[in-house]
């Protein structure tokens, strides 16, 4: 079988996926920014794995799906995860608690934001993870000029978690605030509320695997979701189940279901 992977990198988890499928007799090509051209040459593969949510790969995903080539995970679901606004509303729809959000041009925000709203955190509207974020503790912290609207969230002070799921297997880790998936974490045995959040998100988005970043607020003990991902690196997966083989087997099973 000929399989394509849409990814920013040829190594890391994408490389492990490639190695696994090739060891099982499949022909695999990884498409990065250096070799991806969105045209009919992509149609030679039987299906694609959408590892990256960068715009280029999302555009490729939509092109492929329009031409009846399956893309896993689904391109539209990946887009929803990438767009902060879409993601925020999807989380609310799934019944998950999310921080209060504010969006507008900087001068308008300065006039409207009240001291009680702080601390706030700015995030790129089209992005995920910890890249490009900044914390503001007061109005005076907005010292830069912004040409585009700002997306702000209430910064929740509490215990931060990275929670993975692969099908019905969960791995929950405590982590430092505002760190990415690769930072050091401490595994915790279980958390029923976090597991229920994972089940809801998995079911709502029809995902085979993924992750949530969560914060349990110190003052109220409420659990908030602050980020979601369709295809993590599983850098901090600490359970016995091998994430590479399990993820690949689930992807192949999904493709076979689509074919039928």
Protein backbone atom coordinates (compact mmCIF):
# COMPACT_ATOMS: atom_id res chain seq x y z
CA UNK A 1 0.00 0.00 0.00
CA UNK A 2 1.23 3.52 -0.82
CA UNK A 3 0.83 5.92 2.10
CA UNK A 4 1.60 9.64 2.31
CA UNK A 5 2.39 11.59 5.49
CA UNK A 6 1.86 15.37 5.61
CA UNK A 7 4.34 16.59 8.20
CA UNK A 8 6.67 19.46 9.07
CA UNK A 9 9.45 16.97 9.80
CA UNK A 10 10.75 13.69 8.47
CA UNK A 11 11.90 12.56 11.91
CA UNK A 12 10.26 12.39 15.34
CA UNK A 13 6.87 10.63 15.41
CA UNK A 14 6.42 10.97 11.64
CA UNK A 15 9.65 9.08 11.09
CA UNK A 16 8.56 6.37 13.52
CA UNK A 17 5.25 6.00 11.67
CA UNK A 18 7.12 5.68 8.38
CA UNK A 19 9.45 3.04 9.81
CA UNK A 20 6.56 1.05 11.28
CA UNK A 21 4.52 0.97 8.08
CA UNK A 22 7.58 0.16 5.95
CA UNK A 23 8.48 -2.71 8.27
CA UNK A 24 5.02 -4.08 7.51
CA UNK A 25 5.51 -3.95 3.75
CA UNK A 26 3.99 -0.57 2.89
CA UNK A 27 5.54 2.18 0.75
CA UNK A 28 5.58 5.49 2.63
CA UNK A 29 6.42 9.04 1.51
CA UNK A 30 6.70 12.02 3.88
CA UNK A 31 5.73 15.40 2.41
CA UNK A 32 7.28 18.43 4.09
CA UNK A 33 7.55 22.08 3.01
CA UNK A 34 10.61 21.14 0.93
CA UNK A 35 8.82 18.66 -1.34
CA UNK A 36 5.06 19.21 -1.02
CA UNK A 37 3.36 20.52 -4.14
CA UNK A 38 -0.42 20.44 -4.08
CA UNK A 39 -1.26 18.95 -7.46
CA UNK A 40 -2.36 15.67 -9.05
CA UNK A 41 0.95 13.97 -8.25
CA UNK A 42 -0.37 13.56 -4.68
CA UNK A 43 -3.16 11.32 -5.93
CA UNK A 44 -0.77 8.38 -6.44
CA UNK A 45 -1.02 7.41 -2.76
CA UNK A 46 -3.97 5.44 -1.39
CA UNK A 47 -4.41 7.55 1.73
CA UNK A 48 -2.66 10.26 3.76
CA UNK A 49 -1.83 10.82 7.40
CA UNK A 50 -2.25 14.47 8.42
CA UNK A 51 0.47 14.86 11.06
CA UNK A 52 0.84 18.65 10.90
CA UNK A 53 -1.92 21.27 11.16
CA UNK A 54 0.09 23.98 9.39
CA UNK A 55 -1.95 25.73 6.69
CA UNK A 56 0.01 24.16 3.82
CA UNK A 57 -0.80 20.64 4.99
CA UNK A 58 -4.42 21.51 5.72
CA UNK A 59 -4.77 22.85 2.16
CA UNK A 60 -3.26 19.61 0.88
CA UNK A 61 -5.73 17.66 3.02
CA UNK A 62 -8.72 19.50 1.58
CA UNK A 63 -7.36 18.96 -1.95
CA UNK A 64 -6.97 15.25 -1.34
CA UNK A 65 -10.40 14.80 0.23
CA UNK A 66 -11.99 16.68 -2.68
CA UNK A 67 -10.33 14.10 -4.94
CA UNK A 68 -11.68 11.19 -2.87
CA UNK A 69 -8.35 10.36 -1.21
CA UNK A 70 -8.88 9.61 2.52
CA UNK A 71 -7.02 11.80 5.02
CA UNK A 72 -6.56 10.66 8.64
CA UNK A 73 -7.24 12.48 10.93
CA UNK A 74 -10.04 14.26 9.06
CA UNK A 75 -8.87 17.59 7.62
CA UNK A 76 -11.79 19.63 8.92
CA UNK A 77 -11.38 18.27 12.45
CA UNK A 78 -7.68 19.13 12.28
CA UNK A 79 -8.55 22.66 11.14
CA UNK A 80 -10.95 23.10 14.06
CA UNK A 81 -8.14 22.13 16.45
CA UNK A 82 -5.78 24.65 14.80
CA UNK A 83 -8.16 27.62 14.85
CA UNK A 84 -8.45 28.93 18.43
CA UNK A 85 -11.95 30.30 17.91
CA UNK A 86 -13.28 27.16 16.23
CA UNK A 87 -11.62 25.03 18.89
CA UNK A 88 -13.06 27.10 21.73
CA UNK A 89 -16.63 26.76 20.46
CA UNK A 90 -16.15 23.05 19.75
CA UNK A 91 -15.03 22.52 23.36
CA UNK A 92 -18.09 24.36 24.66
CA UNK A 93 -20.32 22.29 22.39
CA UNK A 94 -18.74 19.13 23.80
CA UNK A 95 -19.62 20.26 27.32
CA UNK A 96 -16.07 21.10 28.39
CA UNK A 97 -15.25 24.10 30.57
CA UNK A 98 -13.00 26.68 28.88
CA UNK A 99 -11.56 30.01 30.08
CA UNK A 100 -13.31 33.31 29.31
CA UNK A 101 -12.12 34.76 26.00
CA UNK A 102 -11.77 38.29 24.62
CA UNK A 103 -10.96 39.33 21.08
CA UNK A 104 -10.50 42.67 19.35
CA UNK A 105 -8.03 45.29 18.23
CA UNK A 106 -5.58 46.43 20.87
CA UNK A 107 -6.93 49.98 21.36
CA UNK A 108 -10.48 48.70 21.80
CA UNK A 109 -9.35 46.02 24.22
CA UNK A 110 -7.48 48.57 26.32
CA UNK A 111 -10.71 50.55 26.70
CA UNK A 112 -12.92 47.56 27.46
CA UNK A 113 -10.81 45.25 29.65
CA UNK A 114 -11.32 45.61 33.39
CA UNK A 115 -8.70 44.97 36.05
CA UNK A 116 -10.69 42.00 37.33
CA UNK A 117 -10.22 40.22 33.98
CA UNK A 118 -6.47 39.84 34.52
CA UNK A 119 -4.22 37.91 34.28
CA UNK A 120 -4.79 37.26 30.57
CA UNK A 121 -2.88 35.24 28.04
CA UNK A 122 -2.59 36.01 24.33
CA UNK A 123 -2.42 33.17 21.81
CA UNK A 124 -2.04 33.15 18.02
CA UNK A 125 -5.53 32.82 16.52
CA UNK A 126 -4.27 30.15 14.15
CA UNK A 127 -2.02 27.97 16.24
CA UNK A 128 -1.79 25.42 19.01
CA UNK A 129 0.51 24.52 21.84
CA UNK A 130 2.65 27.02 23.76
CA UNK A 131 4.29 28.75 20.79
CA UNK A 132 3.69 32.51 20.56
CA UNK A 133 1.84 32.91 23.85
CA UNK A 134 2.27 35.79 26.29
CA UNK A 135 0.89 36.58 29.75
CA UNK A 136 -0.48 40.02 30.69
CA UNK A 137 -1.01 40.93 34.33
CA UNK A 138 -2.38 44.45 33.78
CA UNK A 139 -3.43 46.88 31.03
CA UNK A 140 0.00 48.52 31.07
CA UNK A 141 1.59 45.26 29.91
CA UNK A 142 0.15 45.82 26.42
CA UNK A 143 3.18 47.73 25.19
CA UNK A 144 3.48 46.34 21.65
CA UNK A 145 1.56 47.49 18.58
CA UNK A 146 -0.61 44.85 16.96
CA UNK A 147 -1.99 45.20 13.44
CA UNK A 148 -4.24 42.15 13.75
CA UNK A 149 -6.97 41.45 16.34
CA UNK A 150 -5.73 39.89 19.58
CA UNK A 151 -7.15 36.66 20.95
CA UNK A 152 -7.02 36.65 24.74
CA UNK A 153 -7.97 34.06 27.35
CA UNK A 154 -8.33 34.37 31.08
CA UNK A 155 -5.14 32.86 32.50
CA UNK A 156 -6.17 30.11 34.90
CA UNK A 157 -3.86 29.77 37.88
CA UNK A 158 -3.70 26.19 39.02
CA UNK A 159 -2.29 22.74 38.33
CA UNK A 160 -1.53 22.07 34.67
CA UNK A 161 -2.00 18.71 32.96
CA UNK A 162 -1.08 17.06 29.68
CA UNK A 163 -3.58 14.29 28.95
CA UNK A 164 -3.19 11.85 26.05
CA UNK A 165 -5.66 9.34 24.69
CA UNK A 166 -5.15 6.49 22.24
CA UNK A 167 -8.56 4.92 21.70
CA UNK A 168 -9.71 4.18 25.29
CA UNK A 169 -6.21 4.26 26.82
CA UNK A 170 -5.35 7.40 28.79
CA UNK A 171 -2.07 8.86 30.03
CA UNK A 172 -2.31 11.90 32.33
CA UNK A 173 0.72 13.92 33.37
CA UNK A 174 1.21 16.97 35.55
CA UNK A 175 3.35 19.63 33.90
CA UNK A 176 4.72 23.12 34.43
CA UNK A 177 2.56 26.04 33.23
CA UNK A 178 2.99 27.24 29.64
CA UNK A 179 5.34 24.44 28.63
CA UNK A 180 5.07 22.40 25.45
CA UNK A 181 4.45 18.69 25.08
CA UNK A 182 8.15 17.81 25.21
CA UNK A 183 8.86 19.39 28.62
CA UNK A 184 9.38 17.19 31.67
CA UNK A 185 6.18 15.91 33.29
CA UNK A 186 5.13 13.73 36.20
CA UNK A 187 2.69 10.92 35.50
CA UNK A 188 -0.36 10.61 37.74
CA UNK A 189 -2.30 7.38 38.21
CA UNK A 190 -5.72 8.64 37.22
CA UNK A 191 -8.17 11.52 37.37
CA UNK A 192 -11.79 10.62 36.69
CA UNK A 193 -12.82 14.12 35.63
CA UNK A 194 -9.93 14.45 33.18
CA UNK A 195 -10.71 11.00 31.77
CA UNK A 196 -14.35 12.04 31.28
CA UNK A 197 -13.18 15.20 29.45
CA UNK A 198 -11.04 13.02 27.18
CA UNK A 199 -13.97 10.72 26.42
CA UNK A 200 -16.24 13.65 25.59
CA UNK A 201 -13.68 15.28 23.30
CA UNK A 202 -12.81 12.00 21.61
CA UNK A 203 -16.48 11.26 20.95
CA UNK A 204 -17.37 14.81 19.90
CA UNK A 205 -14.56 14.96 17.31
CA UNK A 206 -14.62 11.26 16.39
CA UNK A 207 -10.89 10.97 17.12
CA UNK A 208 -8.77 7.83 17.32
CA UNK A 209 -6.13 9.57 19.44
CA UNK A 210 -5.07 13.04 20.56
CA UNK A 211 -4.46 15.14 23.63
CA UNK A 212 -5.83 17.90 25.84
CA UNK A 213 -4.02 20.50 27.92
CA UNK A 214 -5.97 21.23 31.08
CA UNK A 215 -5.74 23.35 34.23
CA UNK A 216 -7.42 22.69 37.57
CA UNK A 217 -7.96 26.12 39.09
CA UNK A 218 -6.54 26.68 42.57
CA UNK A 219 -9.42 28.84 43.84
CA UNK A 220 -12.39 26.80 42.65
CA UNK A 221 -10.98 23.35 41.80
CA UNK A 222 -12.76 23.67 38.43
CA UNK A 223 -11.18 21.89 35.46
CA UNK A 224 -10.55 23.96 32.32
CA UNK A 225 -9.39 22.88 28.86
CA UNK A 226 -6.84 25.32 27.43
CA UNK A 227 -5.64 23.50 24.30
CA UNK A 228 -6.29 20.41 22.19
CA UNK A 229 -4.34 18.44 19.60
CA UNK A 230 -5.24 15.87 16.96
CA UNK A 231 -1.79 14.36 16.55
CA UNK A 232 0.68 14.79 19.42
CA UNK A 233 4.22 13.46 19.45
CA UNK A 234 3.42 11.35 22.52
CA UNK A 235 6.74 12.53 23.99
CA UNK A 236 5.45 11.99 27.52
CA UNK A 237 3.43 8.83 26.97
CA UNK A 238 4.37 6.76 30.02
CA UNK A 239 2.19 3.64 29.71
CA UNK A 240 3.16 0.17 28.51
CA UNK A 241 1.18 0.41 25.25
CA UNK A 242 3.50 1.36 22.39
CA UNK A 243 2.03 4.57 20.92
CA UNK A 244 3.63 4.13 17.49
CA UNK A 245 2.28 0.66 16.69
CA UNK A 246 -1.11 1.37 18.28
CA UNK A 247 -1.60 4.66 16.43
CA UNK A 248 -0.53 3.11 13.12
CA UNK A 249 -2.84 0.12 13.58
CA UNK A 250 -5.77 2.44 14.36
CA UNK A 251 -5.03 4.55 11.28
CA UNK A 252 -4.90 1.47 9.06
CA UNK A 253 -8.15 0.16 10.55
CA UNK A 254 -9.81 3.54 9.94
CA UNK A 255 -8.67 3.54 6.31
CA UNK A 256 -10.10 0.07 5.79
CA UNK A 257 -13.42 1.22 7.26
CA UNK A 258 -13.47 4.22 4.89
CA UNK A 259 -12.78 1.96 1.90
CA UNK A 260 -15.73 -0.23 2.77
